[in-house]
PDB file of N, CA and C in Angstrom:
ATOM      1  N   MET A   1       9.853 -18.210 -16.291  1.00  0.00           N
ATOM      2  CA  MET A   1      10.764 -17.095 -16.079  1.00  0.00           C
ATOM      3  C   MET A   1      10.799 -16.252 -17.360  1.00  0.00           C
ATOM      4  N   THR A   2      10.584 -14.956 -17.229  1.00  0.00           N
ATOM      5  CA  THR A   2      10.618 -14.075 -18.393  1.00  0.00           C
ATOM      6  C   THR A   2      12.067 -13.858 -18.840  1.00  0.00           C
ATOM      7  N   ARG A   3      12.195 -13.333 -20.033  1.00  0.00           N
ATOM      8  CA  ARG A   3      13.539 -13.020 -20.550  1.00  0.00           C
ATOM      9  C   ARG A   3      14.248 -12.042 -19.619  1.00  0.00           C
ATOM     10  N   LEU A   4      13.535 -11.018 -19.167  1.00  0.00           N
ATOM     11  CA  LEU A   4      14.121 -10.033 -18.262  1.00  0.00           C
ATOM     12  C   LEU A   4      14.587 -10.700 -16.963  1.00  0.00           C
ATOM     13  N   GLU A   5      13.766 -11.555 -16.411  1.00  0.00           N
ATOM     14  CA  GLU A   5      14.150 -12.247 -15.171  1.00  0.00           C
ATOM     15  C   GLU A   5      15.376 -13.128 -15.386  1.00  0.00           C
ATOM     16  N   GLN A   6      15.413 -13.786 -16.524  1.00  0.00           N
ATOM     17  CA  GLN A   6      16.558 -14.641 -16.827  1.00  0.00           C
ATOM     18  C   GLN A   6      17.842 -13.812 -16.957  1.00  0.00           C
ATOM     19  N   LEU A   7      17.746 -12.683 -17.650  1.00  0.00           N
ATOM     20  CA  LEU A   7      18.925 -11.830 -17.811  1.00  0.00           C
ATOM     21  C   LEU A   7      19.354 -11.220 -16.479  1.00  0.00           C
ATOM     22  N   GLN A   8      18.395 -10.869 -15.625  1.00  0.00           N
ATOM     23  CA  GLN A   8      18.734 -10.362 -14.300  1.00  0.00           C
ATOM     24  C   GLN A   8      19.459 -11.437 -13.483  1.00  0.00           C
ATOM     25  N   LYS A   9      19.011 -12.669 -13.611  1.00  0.00           N
ATOM     26  CA  LYS A   9      19.661 -13.777 -12.911  1.00  0.00           C
ATOM     27  C   LYS A   9      21.099 -13.957 -13.396  1.00  0.00           C
ATOM     28  N   PHE A  10      21.300 -13.923 -14.706  1.00  0.00           N
ATOM     29  CA  PHE A  10      22.652 -14.040 -15.260  1.00  0.00           C
ATOM     30  C   PHE A  10      23.541 -12.910 -14.731  1.00  0.00           C
ATOM     31  N   PHE A  11      22.990 -11.691 -14.704  1.00  0.00           N
ATOM     32  CA  PHE A  11      23.746 -10.541 -14.220  1.00  0.00           C
ATOM     33  C   PHE A  11      24.113 -10.722 -12.751  1.00  0.00           C
ATOM     34  N   GLU A  12      23.164 -11.180 -11.942  1.00  0.00           N
ATOM     35  CA  GLU A  12      23.424 -11.393 -10.512  1.00  0.00           C
ATOM     36  C   GLU A  12      24.485 -12.472 -10.294  1.00  0.00           C
ATOM     37  N   GLU A  13      24.473 -13.497 -11.139  1.00  0.00           N
ATOM     38  CA  GLU A  13      25.440 -14.590 -11.013  1.00  0.00           C
ATOM     39  C   GLU A  13      26.849 -14.153 -11.404  1.00  0.00           C
ATOM     40  N   ASP A  14      26.952 -13.272 -12.394  1.00  0.00           N
ATOM     41  CA  ASP A  14      28.268 -12.796 -12.832  1.00  0.00           C
ATOM     42  C   ASP A  14      28.163 -11.355 -13.326  1.00  0.00           C
ATOM     43  N   PRO A  15      28.155 -10.408 -12.400  1.00  0.00           N
ATOM     44  CA  PRO A  15      28.004  -9.003 -12.790  1.00  0.00           C
ATOM     45  C   PRO A  15      29.226  -8.408 -13.489  1.00  0.00           C
ATOM     46  N   ARG A  16      30.308  -9.159 -13.544  1.00  0.00           N
ATOM     47  CA  ARG A  16      31.509  -8.662 -14.223  1.00  0.00           C
ATOM     48  C   ARG A  16      31.574  -9.051 -15.688  1.00  0.00           C
ATOM     49  N   ASP A  17      30.692  -9.921 -16.118  1.00  0.00           N
ATOM     50  CA  ASP A  17      30.668 -10.358 -17.513  1.00  0.00           C
ATOM     51  C   ASP A  17      30.057  -9.245 -18.361  1.00  0.00           C
ATOM     52  N   PRO A  18      30.808  -8.711 -19.333  1.00  0.00           N
ATOM     53  CA  PRO A  18      30.276  -7.591 -20.123  1.00  0.00           C
ATOM     54  C   PRO A  18      29.005  -7.945 -20.885  1.00  0.00           C
ATOM     55  N   PHE A  19      28.884  -9.196 -21.337  1.00  0.00           N
ATOM     56  CA  PHE A  19      27.665  -9.567 -22.046  1.00  0.00           C
ATOM     57  C   PHE A  19      26.453  -9.515 -21.122  1.00  0.00           C
ATOM     58  N   ASN A  20      26.607  -9.950 -19.885  1.00  0.00           N
ATOM     59  CA  ASN A  20      25.484  -9.930 -18.947  1.00  0.00           C
ATOM     60  C   ASN A  20      24.996  -8.499 -18.701  1.00  0.00           C
ATOM     61  N   ILE A  21      25.909  -7.575 -18.573  1.00  0.00           N
ATOM     62  CA  ILE A  21      25.542  -6.163 -18.368  1.00  0.00           C
ATOM     63  C   ILE A  21      24.843  -5.637 -19.618  1.00  0.00           C
ATOM     64  N   TYR A  22      25.471  -5.861 -20.762  1.00  0.00           N
ATOM     65  CA  TYR A  22      24.949  -5.381 -22.041  1.00  0.00           C
ATOM     66  C   TYR A  22      23.562  -5.947 -22.334  1.00  0.00           C
ATOM     67  N   ALA A  23      23.404  -7.261 -22.179  1.00  0.00           N
ATOM     68  CA  ALA A  23      22.126  -7.913 -22.507  1.00  0.00           C
ATOM     69  C   ALA A  23      21.010  -7.422 -21.590  1.00  0.00           C
ATOM     70  N   LEU A  24      21.306  -7.252 -20.312  1.00  0.00           N
ATOM     71  CA  LEU A  24      20.297  -6.758 -19.382  1.00  0.00           C
ATOM     72  C   LEU A  24      19.938  -5.312 -19.715  1.00  0.00           C
ATOM     73  N   ALA A  25      20.924  -4.497 -20.008  1.00  0.00           N
ATOM     74  CA  ALA A  25      20.650  -3.104 -20.391  1.00  0.00           C
ATOM     75  C   ALA A  25      19.796  -3.045 -21.648  1.00  0.00           C
ATOM     76  N   LEU A  26      20.111  -3.864 -22.620  1.00  0.00           N
ATOM     77  CA  LEU A  26      19.355  -3.889 -23.868  1.00  0.00           C
ATOM     78  C   LEU A  26      17.899  -4.276 -23.617  1.00  0.00           C
ATOM     79  N   GLU A  27      17.685  -5.280 -22.798  1.00  0.00           N
ATOM     80  CA  GLU A  27      16.322  -5.708 -22.486  1.00  0.00           C
ATOM     81  C   GLU A  27      15.583  -4.629 -21.686  1.00  0.00           C
ATOM     82  N   LEU A  28      16.263  -4.016 -20.737  1.00  0.00           N
ATOM     83  CA  LEU A  28      15.632  -2.970 -19.931  1.00  0.00           C
ATOM     84  C   LEU A  28      15.301  -1.722 -20.754  1.00  0.00           C
ATOM     85  N   SER A  29      16.006  -1.524 -21.846  1.00  0.00           N
ATOM     86  CA  SER A  29      15.743  -0.338 -22.674  1.00  0.00           C
ATOM     87  C   SER A  29      14.324  -0.340 -23.227  1.00  0.00           C
ATOM     88  N   LYS A  30      13.668  -1.504 -23.189  1.00  0.00           N
ATOM     89  CA  LYS A  30      12.284  -1.607 -23.647  1.00  0.00           C
ATOM     90  C   LYS A  30      11.281  -1.167 -22.582  1.00  0.00           C
ATOM     91  N   SER A  31      11.688  -1.211 -21.306  1.00  0.00           N
ATOM     92  CA  SER A  31      10.727  -0.957 -20.233  1.00  0.00           C
ATOM     93  C   SER A  31      11.181   0.064 -19.193  1.00  0.00           C
ATOM     94  N   ASP A  32      12.473   0.193 -18.971  1.00  0.00           N
ATOM     95  CA  ASP A  32      12.996   1.101 -17.947  1.00  0.00           C
ATOM     96  C   ASP A  32      14.259   1.764 -18.484  1.00  0.00           C
ATOM     97  N   LYS A  33      14.059   2.821 -19.237  1.00  0.00           N
ATOM     98  CA  LYS A  33      15.167   3.467 -19.937  1.00  0.00           C
ATOM     99  C   LYS A  33      16.227   4.036 -18.985  1.00  0.00           C
ATOM    100  N   GLN A  34      15.804   4.532 -17.832  1.00  0.00           N
ATOM    101  CA  GLN A  34      16.775   5.083 -16.884  1.00  0.00           C
ATOM    102  C   GLN A  34      17.676   3.992 -16.313  1.00  0.00           C
ATOM    103  N   GLN A  35      17.099   2.880 -15.952  1.00  0.00           N
ATOM    104  CA  GLN A  35      17.898   1.769 -15.443  1.00  0.00           C
ATOM    105  C   GLN A  35      18.791   1.211 -16.554  1.00  0.00           C
ATOM    106  N   ALA A  36      18.264   1.162 -17.762  1.00  0.00           N
ATOM    107  CA  ALA A  36      19.068   0.709 -18.900  1.00  0.00           C
ATOM    108  C   ALA A  36      20.258   1.634 -19.113  1.00  0.00           C
ATOM    109  N   ALA A  37      20.025   2.935 -19.027  1.00  0.00           N
ATOM    110  CA  ALA A  37      21.113   3.903 -19.209  1.00  0.00           C
ATOM    111  C   ALA A  37      22.197   3.693 -18.154  1.00  0.00           C
ATOM    112  N   ALA A  38      21.794   3.453 -16.918  1.00  0.00           N
ATOM    113  CA  ALA A  38      22.773   3.218 -15.852  1.00  0.00           C
ATOM    114  C   ALA A  38      23.607   1.978 -16.144  1.00  0.00           C
ATOM    115  N   LEU A  39      22.969   0.928 -16.631  1.00  0.00           N
ATOM    116  CA  LEU A  39      23.715  -0.291 -16.958  1.00  0.00           C
ATOM    117  C   LEU A  39      24.616  -0.097 -18.173  1.00  0.00           C
ATOM    118  N   PHE A  40      24.139   0.621 -19.178  1.00  0.00           N
ATOM    119  CA  PHE A  40      25.013   0.908 -20.323  1.00  0.00           C
ATOM    120  C   PHE A  40      26.233   1.708 -19.869  1.00  0.00           C
ATOM    121  N   GLU A  41      26.024   2.675 -18.990  1.00  0.00           N
ATOM    122  CA  GLU A  41      27.156   3.465 -18.478  1.00  0.00           C
ATOM    123  C   GLU A  41      28.128   2.574 -17.713  1.00  0.00           C
ATOM    124  N   LEU A  42      27.601   1.637 -16.936  1.00  0.00           N
ATOM    125  CA  LEU A  42      28.455   0.685 -16.226  1.00  0.00           C
ATOM    126  C   LEU A  42      29.268  -0.135 -17.224  1.00  0.00           C
ATOM    127  N   ALA A  43      28.598  -0.636 -18.246  1.00  0.00           N
ATOM    128  CA  ALA A  43      29.287  -1.442 -19.262  1.00  0.00           C
ATOM    129  C   ALA A  43      30.374  -0.633 -19.962  1.00  0.00           C
ATOM    130  N   LEU A  44      30.060   0.602 -20.319  1.00  0.00           N
ATOM    131  CA  LEU A  44      31.041   1.438 -21.019  1.00  0.00           C
ATOM    132  C   LEU A  44      32.233   1.781 -20.130  1.00  0.00           C
ATOM    133  N   SER A  45      32.006   1.972 -18.846  1.00  0.00           N
ATOM    134  CA  SER A  45      33.111   2.325 -17.958  1.00  0.00           C
ATOM    135  C   SER A  45      33.966   1.116 -17.591  1.00  0.00           C
ATOM    136  N   LYS A  46      33.327  -0.021 -17.381  1.00  0.00           N
ATOM    137  CA  LYS A  46      34.070  -1.220 -16.952  1.00  0.00           C
ATOM    138  C   LYS A  46      34.613  -2.040 -18.114  1.00  0.00           C
ATOM    139  N   HIS A  47      33.971  -1.956 -19.263  1.00  0.00           N
ATOM    140  CA  HIS A  47      34.342  -2.794 -20.413  1.00  0.00           C
ATOM    141  C   HIS A  47      34.337  -1.962 -21.701  1.00  0.00           C
ATOM    142  N   PRO A  48      35.199  -0.967 -21.791  1.00  0.00           N
ATOM    143  CA  PRO A  48      35.177  -0.091 -22.977  1.00  0.00           C
ATOM    144  C   PRO A  48      35.513  -0.798 -24.281  1.00  0.00           C
ATOM    145  N   SER A  49      36.104  -1.961 -24.214  1.00  0.00           N
ATOM    146  CA  SER A  49      36.441  -2.678 -25.446  1.00  0.00           C
ATOM    147  C   SER A  49      35.279  -3.520 -25.977  1.00  0.00           C
ATOM    148  N   TYR A  50      34.179  -3.602 -25.235  1.00  0.00           N
ATOM    149  CA  TYR A  50      33.014  -4.372 -25.667  1.00  0.00           C
ATOM    150  C   TYR A  50      32.199  -3.503 -26.616  1.00  0.00           C
ATOM    151  N   LEU A  51      32.478  -3.633 -27.898  1.00  0.00           N
ATOM    152  CA  LEU A  51      31.986  -2.696 -28.909  1.00  0.00           C
ATOM    153  C   LEU A  51      30.477  -2.664 -29.083  1.00  0.00           C
ATOM    154  N   ALA A  52      29.806  -3.769 -28.874  1.00  0.00           N
ATOM    155  CA  ALA A  52      28.352  -3.816 -29.098  1.00  0.00           C
ATOM    156  C   ALA A  52      27.612  -2.785 -28.249  1.00  0.00           C
ATOM    157  N   THR A  53      28.154  -2.435 -27.125  1.00  0.00           N
ATOM    158  CA  THR A  53      27.481  -1.524 -26.200  1.00  0.00           C
ATOM    159  C   THR A  53      27.306  -0.130 -26.785  1.00  0.00           C
ATOM    160  N   TYR A  54      28.260   0.358 -27.546  1.00  0.00           N
ATOM    161  CA  TYR A  54      28.243   1.751 -27.985  1.00  0.00           C
ATOM    162  C   TYR A  54      27.015   2.097 -28.820  1.00  0.00           C
ATOM    163  N   TYR A  55      26.711   1.279 -29.787  1.00  0.00           N
ATOM    164  CA  TYR A  55      25.576   1.577 -30.668  1.00  0.00           C
ATOM    165  C   TYR A  55      24.275   1.641 -29.880  1.00  0.00           C
ATOM    166  N   HIS A  56      24.021   0.629 -29.084  1.00  0.00           N
ATOM    167  CA  HIS A  56      22.741   0.560 -28.369  1.00  0.00           C
ATOM    168  C   HIS A  56      22.647   1.602 -27.257  1.00  0.00           C
ATOM    169  N   ALA A  57      23.753   1.893 -26.606  1.00  0.00           N
ATOM    170  CA  ALA A  57      23.743   2.949 -25.586  1.00  0.00           C
ATOM    171  C   ALA A  57      23.445   4.300 -26.231  1.00  0.00           C
ATOM    172  N   ALA A  58      24.087   4.581 -27.348  1.00  0.00           N
ATOM    173  CA  ALA A  58      23.843   5.852 -28.034  1.00  0.00           C
ATOM    174  C   ALA A  58      22.395   5.946 -28.519  1.00  0.00           C
ATOM    175  N   LYS A  59      21.881   4.846 -29.069  1.00  0.00           N
ATOM    176  CA  LYS A  59      20.480   4.848 -29.515  1.00  0.00           C
ATOM    177  C   LYS A  59      19.524   5.090 -28.345  1.00  0.00           C
ATOM    178  N   LEU A  60      19.843   4.544 -27.189  1.00  0.00           N
ATOM    179  CA  LEU A  60      19.003   4.788 -26.015  1.00  0.00           C
ATOM    180  C   LEU A  60      18.995   6.280 -25.684  1.00  0.00           C
ATOM    181  N   TYR A  61      20.165   6.899 -25.684  1.00  0.00           N
ATOM    182  CA  TYR A  61      20.217   8.341 -25.387  1.00  0.00           C
ATOM    183  C   TYR A  61      19.485   9.155 -26.455  1.00  0.00           C
ATOM    184  N   GLU A  62      19.524   8.702 -27.688  1.00  0.00           N
ATOM    185  CA  GLU A  62      18.725   9.364 -28.724  1.00  0.00           C
ATOM    186  C   GLU A  62      17.250   9.295 -28.367  1.00  0.00           C
ATOM    187  N   SER A  63      16.793   8.131 -27.922  1.00  0.00           N
ATOM    188  CA  SER A  63      15.372   7.971 -27.572  1.00  0.00           C
ATOM    189  C   SER A  63      14.990   8.800 -26.356  1.00  0.00           C
ATOM    190  N   LEU A  64      15.973   9.161 -25.549  1.00  0.00           N
ATOM    191  CA  LEU A  64      15.742  10.019 -24.378  1.00  0.00           C
ATOM    192  C   LEU A  64      15.932  11.499 -24.720  1.00  0.00           C
ATOM    193  N   ASN A  65      16.067  11.784 -26.014  1.00  0.00           N
ATOM    194  CA  ASN A  65      16.277  13.151 -26.506  1.00  0.00           C
ATOM    195  C   ASN A  65      17.534  13.799 -25.924  1.00  0.00           C
ATOM    196  N   ASN A  66      18.561  12.990 -25.747  1.00  0.00           N
ATOM    197  CA  ASN A  66      19.843  13.484 -25.266  1.00  0.00           C
ATOM    198  C   ASN A  66      20.881  13.252 -26.363  1.00  0.00           C
ATOM    199  N   SER A  67      20.767  14.050 -27.409  1.00  0.00           N
ATOM    200  CA  SER A  67      21.654  13.898 -28.571  1.00  0.00           C
ATOM    201  C   SER A  67      23.112  14.132 -28.213  1.00  0.00           C
ATOM    202  N   GLU A  68      23.362  15.049 -27.288  1.00  0.00           N
ATOM    203  CA  GLU A  68      24.745  15.350 -26.901  1.00  0.00           C
ATOM    204  C   GLU A  68      25.432  14.105 -26.324  1.00  0.00           C
ATOM    205  N   GLN A  69      24.752  13.403 -25.438  1.00  0.00           N
ATOM    206  CA  GLN A  69      25.321  12.187 -24.861  1.00  0.00           C
ATOM    207  C   GLN A  69      25.433  11.092 -25.909  1.00  0.00           C
ATOM    208  N   ALA A  70      24.455  10.999 -26.797  1.00  0.00           N
ATOM    209  CA  ALA A  70      24.509   9.999 -27.866  1.00  0.00           C
ATOM    210  C   ALA A  70      25.739  10.223 -28.745  1.00  0.00           C
ATOM    211  N   VAL A  71      25.978  11.458 -29.145  1.00  0.00           N
ATOM    212  CA  VAL A  71      27.147  11.768 -29.985  1.00  0.00           C
ATOM    213  C   VAL A  71      28.434  11.446 -29.238  1.00  0.00           C
ATOM    214  N   HIS A  72      28.481  11.782 -27.956  1.00  0.00           N
ATOM    215  CA  HIS A  72      29.661  11.481 -27.140  1.00  0.00           C
ATOM    216  C   HIS A  72      29.948   9.971 -27.155  1.00  0.00           C
ATOM    217  N   ILE A  73      28.911   9.164 -26.992  1.00  0.00           N
ATOM    218  CA  ILE A  73      29.081   7.710 -26.979  1.00  0.00           C
ATOM    219  C   ILE A  73      29.473   7.199 -28.364  1.00  0.00           C
ATOM    220  N   TYR A  74      28.841   7.721 -29.410  1.00  0.00           N
ATOM    221  CA  TYR A  74      29.242   7.315 -30.763  1.00  0.00           C
ATOM    222  C   TYR A  74      30.726   7.605 -30.979  1.00  0.00           C
ATOM    223  N   LYS A  75      31.184   8.782 -30.599  1.00  0.00           N
ATOM    224  CA  LYS A  75      32.590   9.152 -30.798  1.00  0.00           C
ATOM    225  C   LYS A  75      33.524   8.223 -30.036  1.00  0.00           C
ATOM    226  N   ARG A  76      33.166   7.893 -28.805  1.00  0.00           N
ATOM    227  CA  ARG A  76      33.984   6.953 -28.022  1.00  0.00           C
ATOM    228  C   ARG A  76      34.019   5.592 -28.706  1.00  0.00           C
ATOM    229  N   GLY A  77      32.870   5.141 -29.202  1.00  0.00           N
ATOM    230  CA  GLY A  77      32.802   3.855 -29.881  1.00  0.00           C
ATOM    231  C   GLY A  77      33.607   3.843 -31.170  1.00  0.00           C
ATOM    232  N   ILE A  78      33.539   4.930 -31.911  1.00  0.00           N
ATOM    233  CA  ILE A  78      34.305   5.045 -33.149  1.00  0.00           C
ATOM    234  C   ILE A  78      35.797   4.943 -32.850  1.00  0.00           C
ATOM    235  N   GLU A  79      36.241   5.631 -31.831  1.00  0.00           N
ATOM    236  CA  GLU A  79      37.652   5.583 -31.448  1.00  0.00           C
ATOM    237  C   GLU A  79      38.056   4.168 -31.024  1.00  0.00           C
ATOM    238  N   GLU A  80      37.217   3.529 -30.233  1.00  0.00           N
ATOM    239  CA  GLU A  80      37.524   2.167 -29.782  1.00  0.00           C
ATOM    240  C   GLU A  80      37.524   1.193 -30.964  1.00  0.00           C
ATOM    241  N   ALA A  81      36.561   1.326 -31.862  1.00  0.00           N
ATOM    242  CA  ALA A  81      36.522   0.458 -33.050  1.00  0.00           C
ATOM    243  C   ALA A  81      37.772   0.675 -33.905  1.00  0.00           C
ATOM    244  N   ARG A  82      38.186   1.914 -34.023  1.00  0.00           N
ATOM    245  CA  ARG A  82      39.413   2.228 -34.782  1.00  0.00           C
ATOM    246  C   ARG A  82      40.616   1.551 -34.116  1.00  0.00           C
ATOM    247  N   ASN A  83      40.691   1.648 -32.787  1.00  0.00           N
ATOM    248  CA  ASN A  83      41.806   1.031 -32.056  1.00  0.00           C
ATOM    249  C   ASN A  83      41.824  -0.488 -32.219  1.00  0.00           C
ATOM    250  N   GLN A  84      40.639  -1.087 -32.344  1.00  0.00           N
ATOM    251  CA  GLN A  84      40.546  -2.545 -32.493  1.00  0.00           C
ATOM    252  C   GLN A  84      40.561  -2.985 -33.958  1.00  0.00           C
ATOM    253  N   HIS A  85      40.676  -2.027 -34.863  1.00  0.00           N
ATOM    254  CA  HIS A  85      40.686  -2.322 -36.302  1.00  0.00           C
ATOM    255  C   HIS A  85      39.416  -3.042 -36.733  1.00  0.00           C
ATOM    256  N   GLU A  86      38.296  -2.618 -36.168  1.00  0.00           N
ATOM    257  CA  GLU A  86      36.983  -3.193 -36.492  1.00  0.00           C
ATOM    258  C   GLU A  86      36.257  -2.240 -37.442  1.00  0.00           C
ATOM    259  N   SER A  87      36.580  -2.345 -38.711  1.00  0.00           N
ATOM    260  CA  SER A  87      36.071  -1.383 -39.694  1.00  0.00           C
ATOM    261  C   SER A  87      34.554  -1.440 -39.859  1.00  0.00           C
ATOM    262  N   LYS A  88      33.967  -2.610 -39.760  1.00  0.00           N
ATOM    263  CA  LYS A  88      32.503  -2.715 -39.907  1.00  0.00           C
ATOM    264  C   LYS A  88      31.796  -1.978 -38.768  1.00  0.00           C
ATOM    265  N   VAL A  89      32.236  -2.192 -37.549  1.00  0.00           N
ATOM    266  CA  VAL A  89      31.639  -1.502 -36.396  1.00  0.00           C
ATOM    267  C   VAL A  89      31.875  -0.003 -36.514  1.00  0.00           C
ATOM    268  N   LEU A  90      33.071   0.377 -36.928  1.00  0.00           N
ATOM    269  CA  LEU A  90      33.380   1.795 -37.101  1.00  0.00           C
ATOM    270  C   LEU A  90      32.420   2.432 -38.096  1.00  0.00           C
ATOM    271  N   ARG A  91      32.174   1.777 -39.223  1.00  0.00           N
ATOM    272  CA  ARG A  91      31.253   2.318 -40.229  1.00  0.00           C
ATOM    273  C   ARG A  91      29.827   2.416 -39.686  1.00  0.00           C
ATOM    274  N   GLU A  92      29.394   1.402 -38.946  1.00  0.00           N
ATOM    275  CA  GLU A  92      28.036   1.424 -38.381  1.00  0.00           C
ATOM    276  C   GLU A  92      27.865   2.575 -37.395  1.00  0.00           C
ATOM    277  N   LEU A  93      28.845   2.760 -36.530  1.00  0.00           N
ATOM    278  CA  LEU A  93      28.767   3.851 -35.552  1.00  0.00           C
ATOM    279  C   LEU A  93      28.836   5.212 -36.241  1.00  0.00           C
ATOM    280  N   GLN A  94      29.722   5.346 -37.216  1.00  0.00           N
ATOM    281  CA  GLN A  94      29.849   6.613 -37.943  1.00  0.00           C
ATOM    282  C   GLN A  94      28.560   6.941 -38.679  1.00  0.00           C
ATOM    283  N   SER A  95      27.971   5.938 -39.312  1.00  0.00           N
ATOM    284  CA  SER A  95      26.719   6.134 -40.042  1.00  0.00           C
ATOM    285  C   SER A  95      25.590   6.554 -39.103  1.00  0.00           C
ATOM    286  N   ALA A  96      25.481   5.893 -37.960  1.00  0.00           N
ATOM    287  CA  ALA A  96      24.431   6.232 -36.994  1.00  0.00           C
ATOM    288  C   ALA A  96      24.631   7.647 -36.461  1.00  0.00           C
ATOM    289  N   MET A  97      25.870   8.019 -36.192  1.00  0.00           N
ATOM    290  CA  MET A  97      26.141   9.368 -35.692  1.00  0.00           C
ATOM    291  C   MET A  97      25.842  10.405 -36.774  1.00  0.00           C
ATOM    292  N   ASP A  98      26.250  10.124 -38.007  1.00  0.00           N
ATOM    293  CA  ASP A  98      25.967  11.053 -39.107  1.00  0.00           C
ATOM    294  C   ASP A  98      24.469  11.241 -39.298  1.00  0.00           C
ATOM    295  N   GLU A  99      23.723  10.153 -39.183  1.00  0.00           N
ATOM    296  CA  GLU A  99      22.267  10.231 -39.325  1.00  0.00           C
ATOM    297  C   GLU A  99      21.669  11.136 -38.233  1.00  0.00           C
ATOM    298  N   LEU A 100      22.180  10.998 -37.035  1.00  0.00           N
ATOM    299  CA  LEU A 100      21.710  11.829 -35.926  1.00  0.00           C
ATOM    300  C   LEU A 100      22.059  13.307 -36.155  1.00  0.00           C
ATOM    301  N   LEU A 101      23.280  13.547 -36.595  1.00  0.00           N
ATOM    302  CA  LEU A 101      23.755  14.926 -36.735  1.00  0.00           C
ATOM    303  C   LEU A 101      23.218  15.649 -37.953  1.00  0.00           C
ATOM    304  N   TYR A 102      22.961  14.921 -39.034  1.00  0.00           N
ATOM    305  CA  TYR A 102      22.684  15.582 -40.300  1.00  0.00           C
ATOM    306  C   TYR A 102      21.285  15.346 -40.832  1.00  0.00           C
ATOM    307  N   GLU A 103      20.396  14.769 -40.054  1.00  0.00           N
ATOM    308  CA  GLU A 103      19.009  14.608 -40.512  1.00  0.00           C
ATOM    309  C   GLU A 103      18.069  15.451 -39.703  1.00  0.00           C
TER     310      GLU A 103
END
């Protein structure tokens, strides 16, 4: 069983688990960016407090040349990290967004 197949199985077994959505989206970002984007959007809408999703979702949109959506996701992640008092995540998201905007 490939990693992708295993992650798809985990997702099918428990599609409400934010890690299952996130991990499958991350793996799909290597082969099917559109499907990955749909899963990242699902994760962001259903589990906005799952901070790991923001960075990778925004990076995916950057790779799709959709900087506007990437910035939108970074901003949402920054706000959520601020609300959760997660300063390290906040700095990582801010740095990634600044790199996108100012390079």
